[in-house]
């Protein structure tokens, strides 16, 4: 029996919608990363992008356990001396709730060029509305 290896041209990509309301951030990020990589498909091949397009809604309603809302910090650096800026998760959720989910999912993907292409298939929205109704995404529970 020969080993099956998926090809980029023959992979079928579906659109999937994930509701992040009252979901723990890390657990949600693992499920979304697996959907982006195609780990849920029987045709999964590590060196080929076999994943789905993923739409995450209600990113502003995610939950973190413990005291991570105040203790976890995101660091931004301008490139100048003393140009470091730290923002907590609660501050980032007020400013850019999509960044928190994208950053967590990016950390769960492999560190290579394929992961950056997978990340382009992720769409994160703060509310319930999204512009991808025409793609008819299927709802997935996480």
Protein backbone atom coordinates (compact mmCIF):
# COMPACT_ATOMS: atom_id res chain seq x y z
CA UNK A 1 0.00 0.00 0.00
CA UNK A 2 1.35 3.41 -0.95
CA UNK A 3 1.35 6.45 1.30
CA UNK A 4 -1.10 9.14 0.21
CA UNK A 5 0.31 12.66 -0.04
CA UNK A 6 -2.08 15.50 -0.75
CA UNK A 7 -1.32 17.99 -3.49
CA UNK A 8 -1.99 21.71 -3.43
CA UNK A 9 -4.06 21.53 -6.62
CA UNK A 10 -6.36 18.73 -5.47
CA UNK A 11 -7.20 19.94 -1.95
CA UNK A 12 -10.75 21.10 -1.34
CA UNK A 13 -11.09 24.03 1.03
CA UNK A 14 -14.35 24.74 2.83
CA UNK A 15 -15.40 27.80 4.79
CA UNK A 16 -15.94 27.26 8.50
CA UNK A 17 -17.37 29.66 11.08
CA UNK A 18 -16.39 29.50 14.76
CA UNK A 19 -18.22 31.37 17.52
CA UNK A 20 -15.72 32.53 20.16
CA UNK A 21 -18.33 33.68 22.68
CA UNK A 22 -17.40 32.50 26.22
CA UNK A 23 -14.55 30.33 24.88
CA UNK A 24 -11.16 30.10 26.60
CA UNK A 25 -8.57 31.76 24.35
CA UNK A 26 -5.94 28.99 24.29
CA UNK A 27 -8.38 26.17 23.71
CA UNK A 28 -10.07 28.13 20.94
CA UNK A 29 -6.70 28.89 19.32
CA UNK A 30 -5.76 25.19 19.23
CA UNK A 31 -9.02 24.25 17.48
CA UNK A 32 -8.75 27.10 14.98
CA UNK A 33 -5.08 26.27 14.23
CA UNK A 34 -6.01 22.64 13.58
CA UNK A 35 -8.79 23.74 11.21
CA UNK A 36 -6.35 26.04 9.37
CA UNK A 37 -3.76 23.26 9.02
CA UNK A 38 -6.31 20.64 7.96
CA UNK A 39 -5.59 18.32 10.88
CA UNK A 40 -9.28 17.34 10.99
CA UNK A 41 -9.18 15.89 7.45
CA UNK A 42 -8.12 12.36 6.49
CA UNK A 43 -5.99 13.86 3.69
CA UNK A 44 -3.78 15.83 6.11
CA UNK A 45 -0.22 16.17 4.89
CA UNK A 46 2.23 18.19 7.02
CA UNK A 47 4.05 19.91 4.15
CA UNK A 48 0.91 20.86 2.17
CA UNK A 49 -1.71 23.45 3.10
CA UNK A 50 -4.84 21.27 3.26
CA UNK A 51 -6.79 23.43 5.72
CA UNK A 52 -10.04 25.34 5.56
CA UNK A 53 -10.88 29.02 5.56
CA UNK A 54 -11.89 29.94 9.13
CA UNK A 55 -14.10 32.86 10.18
CA UNK A 56 -14.07 33.65 13.92
CA UNK A 57 -16.89 35.82 15.24
CA UNK A 58 -17.43 37.39 18.69
CA UNK A 59 -13.70 37.77 19.30
CA UNK A 60 -14.42 40.49 21.85
CA UNK A 61 -16.24 37.98 24.08
CA UNK A 62 -13.39 35.51 24.67
CA UNK A 63 -12.44 34.49 28.20
CA UNK A 64 -9.05 34.05 29.84
CA UNK A 65 -8.55 31.96 32.97
CA UNK A 66 -6.95 33.20 36.16
CA UNK A 67 -5.55 36.75 36.28
CA UNK A 68 -4.30 36.77 32.68
CA UNK A 69 -6.47 39.76 31.76
CA UNK A 70 -4.21 42.02 33.83
CA UNK A 71 -0.96 40.02 34.08
CA UNK A 72 -0.44 38.92 30.45
CA UNK A 73 1.22 41.69 28.42
CA UNK A 74 1.81 42.27 24.72
CA UNK A 75 5.03 44.14 23.92
CA UNK A 76 5.39 46.47 20.94
CA UNK A 77 8.68 48.06 19.95
CA UNK A 78 8.99 51.12 17.73
CA UNK A 79 12.69 50.61 16.93
CA UNK A 80 13.81 53.67 18.86
CA UNK A 81 15.58 53.74 22.21
CA UNK A 82 12.96 53.53 24.94
CA UNK A 83 10.29 52.77 22.36
CA UNK A 84 8.84 49.76 24.17
CA UNK A 85 5.13 49.78 24.88
CA UNK A 86 3.29 47.16 26.94
CA UNK A 87 -0.45 46.55 26.77
CA UNK A 88 -2.43 44.07 28.85
CA UNK A 89 -4.96 41.68 27.33
CA UNK A 90 -7.88 43.71 28.65
CA UNK A 91 -6.49 46.86 26.97
CA UNK A 92 -5.94 44.98 23.71
CA UNK A 93 -9.47 43.58 23.80
CA UNK A 94 -10.80 47.12 24.00
CA UNK A 95 -8.60 48.42 21.16
CA UNK A 96 -8.22 45.45 18.79
CA UNK A 97 -10.05 42.27 19.88
CA UNK A 98 -9.14 40.53 16.62
CA UNK A 99 -5.39 40.86 17.41
CA UNK A 100 -5.70 38.76 20.57
CA UNK A 101 -7.18 35.79 18.70
CA UNK A 102 -4.87 36.12 15.67
CA UNK A 103 -1.78 36.33 17.90
CA UNK A 104 -2.81 33.21 19.83
CA UNK A 105 -3.53 31.23 16.64
CA UNK A 106 -0.26 32.36 15.06
CA UNK A 107 1.62 30.97 18.05
CA UNK A 108 -0.03 27.56 17.54
CA UNK A 109 0.99 27.27 13.87
CA UNK A 110 4.39 25.96 12.73
CA UNK A 111 7.14 28.53 12.31
CA UNK A 112 7.68 28.44 8.54
CA UNK A 113 6.50 30.00 5.27
CA UNK A 114 3.56 27.62 5.06
CA UNK A 115 2.18 28.97 8.33
CA UNK A 116 2.09 32.53 7.02
CA UNK A 117 0.01 31.33 4.07
CA UNK A 118 -2.30 29.46 6.45
CA UNK A 119 -2.74 32.61 8.52
CA UNK A 120 -4.12 34.47 5.50
CA UNK A 121 -7.10 32.06 5.58
CA UNK A 122 -8.08 33.26 9.06
CA UNK A 123 -10.66 36.05 9.36
CA UNK A 124 -11.46 37.39 12.84
CA UNK A 125 -14.34 39.76 13.65
CA UNK A 126 -15.26 41.43 16.95
CA UNK A 127 -19.04 41.13 16.59
CA UNK A 128 -21.52 38.62 15.15
CA UNK A 129 -21.55 40.13 11.66
CA UNK A 130 -19.08 39.23 8.94
CA UNK A 131 -18.93 39.85 5.16
CA UNK A 132 -18.48 36.16 4.23
CA UNK A 133 -22.13 35.05 4.01
CA UNK A 134 -21.75 34.42 0.27
CA UNK A 135 -19.25 31.61 0.98
CA UNK A 136 -21.88 29.81 3.11
CA UNK A 137 -19.61 28.88 6.03
CA UNK A 138 -20.53 25.83 8.09
CA UNK A 139 -20.77 26.32 11.85
CA UNK A 140 -18.26 24.30 13.88
CA UNK A 141 -18.47 23.84 17.63
CA UNK A 142 -15.25 24.11 19.58
